[in-house]
């Protein structure tokens, strides 16, 4: 039987991406922003990412059998299902007319496709569920998807058994945890796409229950929202928009602030942190209360303590940590590209399932993007007129630089997908030096109060982490064991929490070597890892990107392939 070649595309209005699945296996995936250098690539089509995926898989555009997208056209959806009933949207729609997918048509035109492939529309939350469950390695699992919205659905409870995913329950707009948290972030003045800042800020505040009842009532059940009179107040399922939900939460949060000005507090001892940490802490507590409530309900319905998380809310590491500690949870898999950028993967996997293709297996690495040979790297360094030395042991070389208190831009192998740098496009520093947290945030031109992530070896996880769990994707909050914390001062957030990454020698030999050698020199088991970019740009992809960021920032060193540059 010939291979089935499926191109997954996220064609939404932010974070477009592309993914290629061949014979059921994920071959390549990249976000459009990494290639266009426009953060979040708002409004762009995933053309360059699709071109990369085709080239990486050795395919021409006319080799495609199917293009899968994680959206069902809204107009068609409303015509078929008056009133916006969300339960019928958890579906796979094969053979969608191309004219119903104008953004897909535009991508295919840009790719100069002559033989039009089958077009499949996968409902948004089914794509999220597929991306989470089908690469979790679980035979059976509970699945929770939570985001702002997609195809008018904001929360999905589902069950995976074998190759099948079945629906347990769904909540539609206006019941949206994603919009609640985005409105909280906007209220705090942190800007768009800055929910991660809100999570970090929360640790500085005194958590209260101010918002818990409101969020539980509005975002965890259909009955609660009806009792609150939301539909009568502002929501008409045939005419209202997501912006109406956002405005509701902005007003609601403002009302809580007006009733208790203590939510807008000053934290003068933290440079750059002026106000709002109590409000952030209250919002974070409410989000975690809602997520754990949903998980409790879901596990009771499915009987499965293995849990998969997806959707943009699943990027909240602190909430994921609270879920991981629940007594009902036996094991947890969080899709590392849980947001919409990862849904090109979910759409492609669901299409592959419909074609009867083999399971993709357990996700062990996110390094599915572009890679560059040492010859290409040398050429780029020469063109940039950068002086360099060569090394046959990049990991040990980087470890020595880190131990000397230097910051290192680190580019090795294929670029990773998802918002977390996982040792392929990273900035590294020593966690043994307490000042390195401020130094690294200054390099990235970020607020100094923002936390950084420690990377440790897989084999140290059981002894070092309270959870004793491997954490390859840096997406579940944890803590170091008490006796180890003093050796990693720069890795600890203000509340003692961490967002660890555990690193496999087999999968990332050079990165593992850097951690191991740094530990030998400093007696600190972790190195600091953050994404290789400054505050205003996406993570670097190419040698040219890396050189530009190295020059523009106050980075001390660049270890790129087998080459080392120093300022």
Protein backbone atom coordinates (compact mmCIF):
# COMPACT_ATOMS: atom_id res chain seq x y z
CA UNK A 1 0.00 0.00 0.00
CA UNK A 2 1.51 3.38 -0.96
CA UNK A 3 2.23 5.98 1.68
CA UNK A 4 -0.51 8.50 2.45
CA UNK A 5 0.93 12.01 2.52
CA UNK A 6 -1.01 14.44 4.69
CA UNK A 7 -0.25 18.14 5.12
CA UNK A 8 -1.71 19.63 8.29
CA UNK A 9 -2.20 23.39 8.25
CA UNK A 10 -3.25 25.76 10.99
CA UNK A 11 -4.79 28.56 8.95
CA UNK A 12 -6.20 30.52 11.89
CA UNK A 13 -5.58 34.21 12.38
CA UNK A 14 -2.58 33.70 14.69
CA UNK A 15 0.21 31.16 15.08
CA UNK A 16 -0.14 29.52 11.65
CA UNK A 17 1.88 26.35 11.20
CA UNK A 18 2.35 23.29 9.02
CA UNK A 19 2.99 19.61 9.67
CA UNK A 20 3.63 16.63 7.38
CA UNK A 21 2.50 13.12 8.32
CA UNK A 22 3.65 10.31 6.03
CA UNK A 23 2.36 6.77 6.53
CA UNK A 24 1.07 7.83 9.95
CA UNK A 25 4.43 9.19 11.16
CA UNK A 26 5.19 12.84 11.86
CA UNK A 27 8.08 13.83 9.60
CA UNK A 28 8.29 17.62 9.89
CA UNK A 29 6.57 20.51 11.65
CA UNK A 30 7.27 24.21 12.05
CA UNK A 31 5.48 27.44 12.94
CA UNK A 32 5.26 30.14 10.30
CA UNK A 33 6.69 32.75 12.69
CA UNK A 34 10.00 30.89 12.86
CA UNK A 35 10.50 31.42 9.14
CA UNK A 36 8.96 34.86 8.59
CA UNK A 37 10.48 36.27 11.83
CA UNK A 38 7.14 37.92 12.74
CA UNK A 39 6.12 36.89 16.25
CA UNK A 40 2.88 34.89 16.18
CA UNK A 41 2.61 35.67 12.43
CA UNK A 42 -0.79 37.27 12.97
CA UNK A 43 -2.89 37.16 9.80
CA UNK A 44 -0.28 35.23 7.80
CA UNK A 45 -0.84 32.05 5.86
CA UNK A 46 1.34 28.98 6.59
CA UNK A 47 3.03 29.08 3.20
CA UNK A 48 6.72 29.01 4.15
CA UNK A 49 6.08 26.41 6.84
CA UNK A 50 4.26 24.23 4.31
CA UNK A 51 7.13 24.62 1.84
CA UNK A 52 9.63 23.56 4.50
CA UNK A 53 7.58 20.51 5.45
CA UNK A 54 7.37 19.38 1.84
CA UNK A 55 11.11 19.85 1.33
CA UNK A 56 11.98 18.08 4.58
CA UNK A 57 9.88 15.08 3.61
CA UNK A 58 11.14 14.94 0.02
CA UNK A 59 7.68 15.55 -1.42
CA UNK A 60 6.36 17.84 -4.10
CA UNK A 61 3.04 19.65 -3.65
CA UNK A 62 1.44 17.24 -6.11
CA UNK A 63 2.40 14.27 -3.92
CA UNK A 64 -0.13 15.34 -1.30
CA UNK A 65 -3.12 13.07 -0.75
CA UNK A 66 -4.85 15.25 1.83
CA UNK A 67 -4.69 18.68 3.40
CA UNK A 68 -6.20 18.77 6.88
CA UNK A 69 -7.14 21.91 8.82
CA UNK A 70 -8.29 22.22 12.46
CA UNK A 71 -11.37 24.32 11.79
CA UNK A 72 -14.89 23.80 10.52
CA UNK A 73 -16.05 26.78 8.49
CA UNK A 74 -18.24 28.89 10.75
CA UNK A 75 -20.88 29.74 8.17
CA UNK A 76 -21.33 26.09 7.25
CA UNK A 77 -21.34 25.14 10.93
CA UNK A 78 -24.11 27.62 11.77
CA UNK A 79 -26.18 26.61 8.74
CA UNK A 80 -25.99 22.95 9.62
CA UNK A 81 -26.43 23.38 13.34
CA UNK A 82 -28.69 26.32 14.23
CA UNK A 83 -28.12 27.74 17.68
CA UNK A 84 -24.49 26.72 17.77
CA UNK A 85 -25.01 23.35 19.53
CA UNK A 86 -21.39 22.37 20.28
CA UNK A 87 -21.91 18.64 20.66
CA UNK A 88 -22.06 18.00 16.92
CA UNK A 89 -18.80 19.81 16.18
CA UNK A 90 -16.53 17.04 17.52
CA UNK A 91 -16.27 15.59 14.04
CA UNK A 92 -14.00 14.88 11.08
CA UNK A 93 -15.31 16.30 7.80
CA UNK A 94 -13.64 14.63 4.79
CA UNK A 95 -13.97 15.90 1.23
CA UNK A 96 -14.71 19.48 2.22
CA UNK A 97 -15.20 21.63 -0.91
CA UNK A 98 -12.09 23.73 -1.49
CA UNK A 99 -14.27 26.79 -2.06
CA UNK A 100 -15.38 26.47 1.57
CA UNK A 101 -11.75 26.86 2.69
CA UNK A 102 -10.42 30.06 1.07
CA UNK A 103 -7.26 30.20 3.19
CA UNK A 104 -6.39 26.61 2.28
CA UNK A 105 -7.02 27.49 -1.36
CA UNK A 106 -4.61 30.42 -1.05
CA UNK A 107 -1.89 28.21 0.45
CA UNK A 108 -2.28 25.60 -2.30
CA UNK A 109 -2.11 28.34 -4.91
CA UNK A 110 1.10 29.67 -3.35
CA UNK A 111 2.54 26.13 -3.39
CA UNK A 112 1.62 25.87 -7.12
CA UNK A 113 -0.33 22.69 -6.63
CA UNK A 114 -1.64 21.25 -9.89
CA UNK A 115 -3.33 18.12 -8.53
CA UNK A 116 -5.78 19.27 -5.86
CA UNK A 117 -5.65 16.93 -2.86
CA UNK A 118 -8.54 15.94 -0.66
CA UNK A 119 -9.36 18.65 1.88
CA UNK A 120 -10.47 17.58 5.35
CA UNK A 121 -11.81 19.87 8.07
CA UNK A 122 -11.31 18.61 11.62
CA UNK A 123 -13.30 20.30 14.35
CA UNK A 124 -10.99 22.47 16.40
CA UNK A 125 -11.17 20.61 19.70
CA UNK A 126 -11.04 17.19 18.03
CA UNK A 127 -7.73 18.31 16.48
CA UNK A 128 -6.45 19.40 19.92
CA UNK A 129 -7.58 16.07 21.38
CA UNK A 130 -5.91 14.12 18.60
CA UNK A 131 -2.62 16.00 19.02
CA UNK A 132 -2.67 15.23 22.75
CA UNK A 133 -3.93 11.64 22.88
CA UNK A 134 -2.44 10.11 19.73
CA UNK A 135 1.12 10.98 20.78
CA UNK A 136 0.74 10.39 24.53
CA UNK A 137 1.69 6.72 24.49
CA UNK A 138 -1.45 5.92 26.52
CA UNK A 139 -3.77 3.11 25.42
CA UNK A 140 -6.63 4.66 27.39
CA UNK A 141 -6.87 8.17 28.78
CA UNK A 142 -9.09 11.03 29.85
CA UNK A 143 -8.67 14.08 27.57
CA UNK A 144 -9.27 17.69 28.62
CA UNK A 145 -9.09 20.52 26.10
CA UNK A 146 -9.46 24.14 27.24
CA UNK A 147 -8.79 27.33 25.28
CA UNK A 148 -10.40 30.60 24.25
CA UNK A 149 -12.58 29.07 21.61
CA UNK A 150 -12.57 27.07 18.40
CA UNK A 151 -15.66 26.36 16.32
CA UNK A 152 -17.60 27.99 19.17
CA UNK A 153 -16.39 25.44 21.70
CA UNK A 154 -14.20 26.46 24.64
CA UNK A 155 -13.86 23.28 26.75
CA UNK A 156 -13.99 19.61 25.78
CA UNK A 157 -14.01 16.52 27.98
CA UNK A 158 -13.23 13.38 26.00
CA UNK A 159 -12.00 9.83 26.31
CA UNK A 160 -9.36 8.00 24.28
CA UNK A 161 -9.48 4.21 23.99
CA UNK A 162 -7.23 2.41 21.55
CA UNK A 163 -7.48 4.32 18.28
CA UNK A 164 -10.79 6.03 19.03
CA UNK A 165 -11.59 9.36 20.70
CA UNK A 166 -15.11 9.83 22.01
CA UNK A 167 -16.84 12.90 23.39
CA UNK A 168 -17.87 13.08 27.06
CA UNK A 169 -19.01 16.69 27.30
CA UNK A 170 -18.39 20.15 25.86
CA UNK A 171 -18.87 23.73 26.96
CA UNK A 172 -19.45 26.42 24.38
CA UNK A 173 -19.04 30.16 24.45
CA UNK A 174 -19.49 32.18 26.60
CA UNK A 175 -18.01 29.66 29.06
CA UNK A 176 -14.32 30.16 28.31
CA UNK A 177 -11.37 29.76 30.66
CA UNK A 178 -9.09 31.01 27.89
CA UNK A 179 -10.93 34.31 27.53
CA UNK A 180 -11.09 34.73 31.30
CA UNK A 181 -7.31 34.42 31.58
CA UNK A 182 -6.67 36.63 28.55
CA UNK A 183 -8.89 39.33 30.06
CA UNK A 184 -6.99 38.99 33.34
CA UNK A 185 -3.72 39.46 31.44
CA UNK A 186 -5.08 42.53 29.64
CA UNK A 187 -6.32 44.01 32.93
CA UNK A 188 -2.82 43.64 34.34
CA UNK A 189 -1.45 45.59 31.37
CA UNK A 190 0.88 42.81 30.27
CA UNK A 191 -0.09 42.91 26.59
CA UNK A 192 -1.34 40.40 23.99
CA UNK A 193 -0.11 36.78 24.02
CA UNK A 194 1.31 37.42 27.51
CA UNK A 195 -0.59 34.88 29.60
CA UNK A 196 2.75 33.32 30.58
CA UNK A 197 3.68 36.60 32.26
CA UNK A 198 0.47 36.49 34.30
CA UNK A 199 1.35 33.00 35.50
CA UNK A 200 4.82 34.16 36.54
CA UNK A 201 3.49 37.30 38.21
CA UNK A 202 1.00 35.30 40.28
CA UNK A 203 3.78 33.79 42.38
CA UNK A 204 4.58 37.24 43.83
CA UNK A 205 1.04 37.83 45.08
CA UNK A 206 -1.11 36.71 47.98
CA UNK A 207 -3.60 34.30 46.46
CA UNK A 208 -7.25 34.85 47.43
CA UNK A 209 -10.58 33.32 46.50
CA UNK A 210 -12.01 36.55 45.07
CA UNK A 211 -12.47 35.14 41.55
CA UNK A 212 -12.92 31.44 42.27
CA UNK A 213 -16.72 31.31 42.56
CA UNK A 214 -17.19 33.54 39.52
CA UNK A 215 -14.94 31.41 37.32
CA UNK A 216 -16.35 28.09 38.56
CA UNK A 217 -19.90 29.33 37.96
CA UNK A 218 -19.24 30.69 34.49
CA UNK A 219 -16.65 28.29 33.06
CA UNK A 220 -17.20 24.77 34.36
CA UNK A 221 -20.86 23.97 33.70
CA UNK A 222 -23.74 24.79 31.41
CA UNK A 223 -26.18 25.10 34.32
CA UNK A 224 -24.01 27.55 36.23
CA UNK A 225 -23.79 29.90 33.27
CA UNK A 226 -27.55 29.81 32.70
CA UNK A 227 -28.22 30.51 36.40
CA UNK A 228 -25.92 33.51 36.17
CA UNK A 229 -28.08 34.85 33.37
CA UNK A 230 -25.22 35.27 30.95
CA UNK A 231 -27.36 34.68 27.87
CA UNK A 232 -29.88 37.25 28.99
CA UNK A 233 -27.12 39.74 29.89
CA UNK A 234 -25.00 39.75 26.78
CA UNK A 235 -24.86 36.47 24.89
CA UNK A 236 -26.90 35.42 21.86
CA UNK A 237 -25.51 32.21 20.33
CA UNK A 238 -26.49 33.27 16.82
CA UNK A 239 -25.10 36.82 16.94
CA UNK A 240 -22.61 37.31 19.76
CA UNK A 241 -18.84 37.08 19.23
CA UNK A 242 -15.82 36.00 21.27
CA UNK A 243 -15.08 39.69 21.82
CA UNK A 244 -18.30 39.89 23.83
CA UNK A 245 -16.95 37.21 26.18
CA UNK A 246 -13.65 39.06 26.52
CA UNK A 247 -15.46 42.32 27.31
CA UNK A 248 -17.62 40.57 29.91
CA UNK A 249 -14.57 39.29 31.76
CA UNK A 250 -12.80 42.65 31.54
CA UNK A 251 -15.81 44.25 33.20
CA UNK A 252 -16.23 41.50 35.76
CA UNK A 253 -12.56 41.60 36.82
CA UNK A 254 -12.69 45.41 37.02
CA UNK A 255 -15.66 45.08 39.36
CA UNK A 256 -13.70 42.82 41.69
CA UNK A 257 -10.79 45.27 41.68
CA UNK A 258 -13.14 48.18 42.50
CA UNK A 259 -14.54 46.23 45.44
CA UNK A 260 -11.10 45.38 46.83
CA UNK A 261 -8.22 47.68 45.89
CA UNK A 262 -5.85 45.30 47.63
CA UNK A 263 -5.90 43.23 44.44
CA UNK A 264 -3.84 45.98 42.78
CA UNK A 265 -0.83 45.95 45.07
CA UNK A 266 2.72 47.27 44.87
CA UNK A 267 5.74 45.00 45.13
CA UNK A 268 8.46 47.60 45.37
CA UNK A 269 11.26 45.19 46.22
CA UNK A 270 11.06 43.51 42.80
CA UNK A 271 12.49 45.69 40.02
CA UNK A 272 10.00 46.25 37.22
CA UNK A 273 7.13 44.66 39.15
CA UNK A 274 4.91 47.57 40.09
CA UNK A 275 1.37 46.33 40.62
CA UNK A 276 -1.17 43.59 40.30
CA UNK A 277 0.49 40.47 41.66
CA UNK A 278 -2.40 39.86 44.09
CA UNK A 279 -4.85 40.05 41.20
CA UNK A 280 -2.70 37.68 39.15
CA UNK A 281 -2.55 35.28 42.10
CA UNK A 282 -6.33 35.40 42.52
CA UNK A 283 -6.82 34.72 38.82
CA UNK A 284 -4.32 31.87 38.81
CA UNK A 285 -6.04 30.28 41.81
CA UNK A 286 -9.39 30.55 40.03
CA UNK A 287 -8.00 28.97 36.86
CA UNK A 288 -6.52 26.08 38.81
CA UNK A 289 -9.76 25.58 40.74
CA UNK A 290 -11.69 25.39 37.46
CA UNK A 291 -9.23 23.02 35.79
CA UNK A 292 -9.11 20.64 38.76
CA UNK A 293 -12.91 20.70 38.95
CA UNK A 294 -13.13 19.72 35.29
CA UNK A 295 -10.51 17.00 35.72
CA UNK A 296 -12.38 15.52 38.69
CA UNK A 297 -15.59 15.39 36.67
CA UNK A 298 -13.83 13.94 33.63
CA UNK A 299 -11.98 11.16 35.46
CA UNK A 300 -15.17 10.19 37.28
CA UNK A 301 -16.91 9.86 33.91
CA UNK A 302 -14.19 7.90 32.09
CA UNK A 303 -12.59 5.92 34.92
CA UNK A 304 -9.15 6.69 33.47
CA UNK A 305 -6.47 8.29 35.68
CA UNK A 306 -4.14 8.79 32.74
CA UNK A 307 -4.80 12.32 31.48
CA UNK A 308 -4.00 14.21 28.29
CA UNK A 309 -4.18 18.01 28.19
CA UNK A 310 -4.40 20.31 25.18
CA UNK A 311 -5.62 23.73 24.11
CA UNK A 312 -3.97 27.04 24.97
CA UNK A 313 -4.90 26.86 28.68
CA UNK A 314 -2.73 23.73 28.92
CA UNK A 315 0.34 25.94 28.41
CA UNK A 316 -0.18 27.11 32.02
CA UNK A 317 2.57 25.14 33.75
CA UNK A 318 1.38 26.04 37.26
CA UNK A 319 -2.11 24.69 36.61
CA UNK A 320 -0.60 21.58 35.05
CA UNK A 321 1.48 21.09 38.19
CA UNK A 322 -1.64 21.28 40.37
CA UNK A 323 -3.36 18.73 38.13
CA UNK A 324 -0.35 16.39 38.24
CA UNK A 325 -0.56 16.36 42.04
CA UNK A 326 -4.23 15.32 42.10
CA UNK A 327 -4.82 11.93 43.71
CA UNK A 328 -6.91 10.79 40.72
CA UNK A 329 -4.09 11.36 38.22
CA UNK A 330 -1.87 8.35 37.58
CA UNK A 331 0.06 9.87 34.67
CA UNK A 332 -0.09 13.12 32.72
CA UNK A 333 0.77 14.04 29.13
CA UNK A 334 0.57 17.68 28.09
CA UNK A 335 0.93 18.30 24.37
CA UNK A 336 4.02 20.59 24.24
CA UNK A 337 2.49 22.63 21.41
CA UNK A 338 -0.85 22.78 23.21
CA UNK A 339 -1.97 26.04 21.58
CA UNK A 340 -3.27 26.60 18.08
CA UNK A 341 0.19 26.29 16.50
CA UNK A 342 0.10 22.61 17.47
CA UNK A 343 -3.21 22.03 15.76
CA UNK A 344 -1.67 21.49 12.33
CA UNK A 345 -0.33 18.34 13.99
CA UNK A 346 -3.72 17.42 15.45
CA UNK A 347 -5.53 17.89 12.13
CA UNK A 348 -2.94 15.80 10.27
CA UNK A 349 -3.03 13.01 12.86
CA UNK A 350 -6.82 12.85 12.81
CA UNK A 351 -6.79 12.66 9.01
CA UNK A 352 -4.17 9.89 9.18
CA UNK A 353 -6.42 8.02 11.61
CA UNK A 354 -9.35 8.36 9.19
CA UNK A 355 -7.17 6.93 6.40
CA UNK A 356 -6.39 3.93 8.61
CA UNK A 357 -2.73 4.83 8.95
CA UNK A 358 -0.57 3.42 11.79
CA UNK A 359 -0.34 5.16 15.15
CA UNK A 360 2.44 7.79 15.30
CA UNK A 361 3.77 6.39 18.59
CA UNK A 362 4.81 8.29 21.69
CA UNK A 363 6.15 11.81 21.27
CA UNK A 364 9.72 11.88 22.59
CA UNK A 365 11.10 14.97 20.87
CA UNK A 366 9.77 18.18 19.37
CA UNK A 367 12.80 18.64 17.08
CA UNK A 368 10.97 18.42 13.75
CA UNK A 369 12.00 21.75 12.24
CA UNK A 370 14.88 22.94 10.05
CA UNK A 371 18.46 21.75 10.60
CA UNK A 372 21.69 23.11 9.16
CA UNK A 373 25.01 21.44 8.38
CA UNK A 374 28.31 22.64 9.74
CA UNK A 375 29.25 23.70 6.23
CA UNK A 376 26.23 26.00 6.03
CA UNK A 377 26.94 27.33 9.52
CA UNK A 378 30.57 28.08 8.60
CA UNK A 379 29.44 29.93 5.49
CA UNK A 380 27.04 32.08 7.52
CA UNK A 381 29.68 32.89 10.13
CA UNK A 382 32.13 33.86 7.40
CA UNK A 383 29.57 36.08 5.69
CA UNK A 384 28.89 37.77 9.02
CA UNK A 385 32.64 38.22 9.53
CA UNK A 386 32.46 36.65 12.97
CA UNK A 387 35.61 35.09 14.39
CA UNK A 388 35.17 31.55 15.64
CA UNK A 389 36.91 28.44 16.87
CA UNK A 390 35.91 24.84 16.28
CA UNK A 391 35.12 22.16 18.83
CA UNK A 392 34.43 18.45 18.56
CA UNK A 393 32.62 18.50 21.93
CA UNK A 394 30.06 21.36 21.93
CA UNK A 395 28.49 20.21 25.18
CA UNK A 396 31.70 20.23 27.21
CA UNK A 397 32.76 23.52 25.63
CA UNK A 398 29.45 25.15 26.56
CA UNK A 399 29.67 23.76 30.11
CA UNK A 400 33.04 25.42 30.64
CA UNK A 401 31.71 28.76 29.44
CA UNK A 402 28.65 28.46 31.70
CA UNK A 403 30.77 27.58 34.72
CA UNK A 404 32.78 30.76 34.05
CA UNK A 405 29.60 32.80 34.43
CA UNK A 406 29.03 33.45 30.72
CA UNK A 407 25.74 33.31 28.81
CA UNK A 408 25.61 31.02 25.79
CA UNK A 409 23.42 31.07 22.70
CA UNK A 410 22.97 27.39 21.82
CA UNK A 411 21.87 26.17 18.37
CA UNK A 412 22.09 22.44 17.71
CA UNK A 413 20.19 20.06 15.42
CA UNK A 414 16.63 20.47 14.20
CA UNK A 415 14.58 23.35 15.54
CA UNK A 416 11.87 22.42 18.04
CA UNK A 417 8.18 23.22 17.62
CA UNK A 418 6.03 24.72 20.35
CA UNK A 419 6.66 27.74 22.58
CA UNK A 420 9.32 26.12 24.80
CA UNK A 421 13.01 25.99 23.91
CA UNK A 422 14.09 22.44 24.67
CA UNK A 423 17.80 22.47 23.99
CA UNK A 424 17.91 23.02 20.24
CA UNK A 425 17.43 26.81 20.07
CA UNK A 426 18.22 27.93 23.63
CA UNK A 427 20.04 30.53 25.68
CA UNK A 428 21.89 28.85 28.54
CA UNK A 429 23.42 30.03 31.83
CA UNK A 430 24.60 28.51 35.09
CA UNK A 431 21.94 27.94 37.73
CA UNK A 432 24.63 27.87 40.43
CA UNK A 433 25.07 31.66 40.26
CA UNK A 434 22.10 33.53 41.77
CA UNK A 435 22.77 36.64 39.69
CA UNK A 436 22.29 34.75 36.42
CA UNK A 437 18.50 35.05 36.57
CA UNK A 438 18.77 38.84 36.24
CA UNK A 439 21.60 38.59 33.74
CA UNK A 440 19.67 36.26 31.46
CA UNK A 441 16.47 38.30 31.65
CA UNK A 442 18.53 41.40 30.79
CA UNK A 443 20.03 39.61 27.78
CA UNK A 444 16.51 38.88 26.55
CA UNK A 445 15.31 42.39 27.44
CA UNK A 446 12.61 40.95 29.68
CA UNK A 447 11.33 41.93 33.09
CA UNK A 448 13.73 40.74 35.78
CA UNK A 449 10.95 39.15 37.83
CA UNK A 450 10.20 36.52 35.20
CA UNK A 451 11.29 32.96 36.05
CA UNK A 452 13.66 30.77 34.05
CA UNK A 453 13.64 27.01 33.59
CA UNK A 454 16.19 24.48 34.84
CA UNK A 455 17.32 21.60 32.63
CA UNK A 456 18.55 18.42 34.34
CA UNK A 457 19.50 14.95 33.16
CA UNK A 458 16.80 12.28 32.93
CA UNK A 459 18.70 10.12 35.36
CA UNK A 460 18.59 12.83 38.04
CA UNK A 461 14.80 13.32 37.95
CA UNK A 462 13.86 10.75 40.58
CA UNK A 463 16.32 12.09 43.13
CA UNK A 464 15.98 15.79 42.31
CA UNK A 465 12.27 16.46 41.67
CA UNK A 466 9.51 16.16 44.23
CA UNK A 467 7.27 14.52 41.63
CA UNK A 468 10.07 12.10 40.63
CA UNK A 469 8.63 12.30 37.10
CA UNK A 470 10.40 12.85 33.80
CA UNK A 471 9.53 16.20 32.25
CA UNK A 472 10.89 16.29 28.68
CA UNK A 473 8.77 19.24 27.53
CA UNK A 474 9.12 21.82 30.31
CA UNK A 475 5.37 22.23 30.70
CA UNK A 476 4.51 20.98 34.21
CA UNK A 477 5.51 22.94 37.34
CA UNK A 478 7.38 21.05 40.03
CA UNK A 479 9.85 21.68 42.86
CA UNK A 480 13.36 20.56 43.63
CA UNK A 481 13.80 18.50 46.75
CA UNK A 482 14.51 20.80 49.67
CA UNK A 483 18.13 19.74 50.15
CA UNK A 484 19.02 20.45 46.49
CA UNK A 485 17.47 23.90 46.17
CA UNK A 486 20.48 25.84 47.54
CA UNK A 487 22.68 24.53 44.70
CA UNK A 488 20.40 25.96 41.99
CA UNK A 489 19.46 29.45 43.24
CA UNK A 490 18.94 31.03 39.82
CA UNK A 491 16.46 28.31 38.81
CA UNK A 492 13.98 28.92 41.63
CA UNK A 493 10.98 31.18 41.21
CA UNK A 494 10.05 33.43 44.12
CA UNK A 495 7.70 30.77 45.54
CA UNK A 496 10.27 27.99 45.14
CA UNK A 497 8.56 26.46 42.12
CA UNK A 498 10.36 25.40 38.94
CA UNK A 499 9.41 24.49 35.39
CA UNK A 500 11.90 21.68 34.78
CA UNK A 501 13.07 19.96 31.64
CA UNK A 502 14.61 16.50 31.91
CA UNK A 503 17.07 15.67 29.13
CA UNK A 504 17.75 12.28 27.56
CA UNK A 505 21.32 11.32 26.67
CA UNK A 506 20.01 9.20 23.80
CA UNK A 507 17.93 11.98 22.22
CA UNK A 508 20.12 15.04 22.95
CA UNK A 509 23.68 13.90 23.50
CA UNK A 510 25.37 17.32 23.29
CA UNK A 511 22.81 19.06 25.51
CA UNK A 512 22.96 16.23 28.05
CA UNK A 513 26.74 16.48 27.96
CA UNK A 514 26.58 20.23 28.70
CA UNK A 515 24.41 19.61 31.77
CA UNK A 516 26.56 16.72 32.97
CA UNK A 517 29.86 18.56 32.59
CA UNK A 518 28.48 21.74 34.16
CA UNK A 519 27.37 19.66 37.15
CA UNK A 520 30.82 18.11 37.45
CA UNK A 521 32.48 21.55 37.50
CA UNK A 522 30.00 23.42 39.72
CA UNK A 523 28.22 20.70 41.76
CA UNK A 524 24.93 22.19 40.52
CA UNK A 525 22.76 19.62 38.81
CA UNK A 526 20.91 22.07 36.51
CA UNK A 527 21.60 24.68 33.88
CA UNK A 528 19.24 27.53 33.07
CA UNK A 529 17.47 27.29 29.73
CA UNK A 530 15.35 29.89 27.98
CA UNK A 531 14.39 30.39 24.36
CA UNK A 532 17.00 31.81 21.97
CA UNK A 533 15.41 35.17 21.10
CA UNK A 534 14.87 38.57 22.56
CA UNK A 535 11.51 39.81 23.82
CA UNK A 536 10.30 41.10 20.45
CA UNK A 537 11.16 38.23 18.10
CA UNK A 538 10.29 34.55 17.68
CA UNK A 539 12.75 31.86 18.65
CA UNK A 540 15.67 31.67 16.21
CA UNK A 541 15.63 29.03 13.50
CA UNK A 542 18.62 29.46 11.20
CA UNK A 543 22.30 30.32 11.64
CA UNK A 544 21.53 33.76 10.26
CA UNK A 545 18.84 34.30 12.92
CA UNK A 546 21.24 33.11 15.62
CA UNK A 547 24.04 35.41 14.51
CA UNK A 548 21.66 38.39 14.35
CA UNK A 549 20.34 37.81 17.88
CA UNK A 550 23.85 37.12 19.20
CA UNK A 551 25.01 40.46 17.85
CA UNK A 552 21.95 42.44 18.87
CA UNK A 553 21.85 41.28 22.49
CA UNK A 554 24.37 41.11 25.31
CA UNK A 555 24.98 37.39 24.89
CA UNK A 556 28.59 36.46 25.68
CA UNK A 557 29.03 33.39 23.50
CA UNK A 558 27.46 31.43 20.67
CA UNK A 559 27.84 27.66 20.36
CA UNK A 560 26.37 26.78 16.99
CA UNK A 561 26.97 23.33 15.55
CA UNK A 562 30.69 22.69 16.05
CA UNK A 563 31.60 26.37 16.15
CA UNK A 564 32.15 28.75 19.07
CA UNK A 565 31.97 32.55 18.88
CA UNK A 566 32.85 34.90 21.75
CA UNK A 567 32.49 38.65 22.13
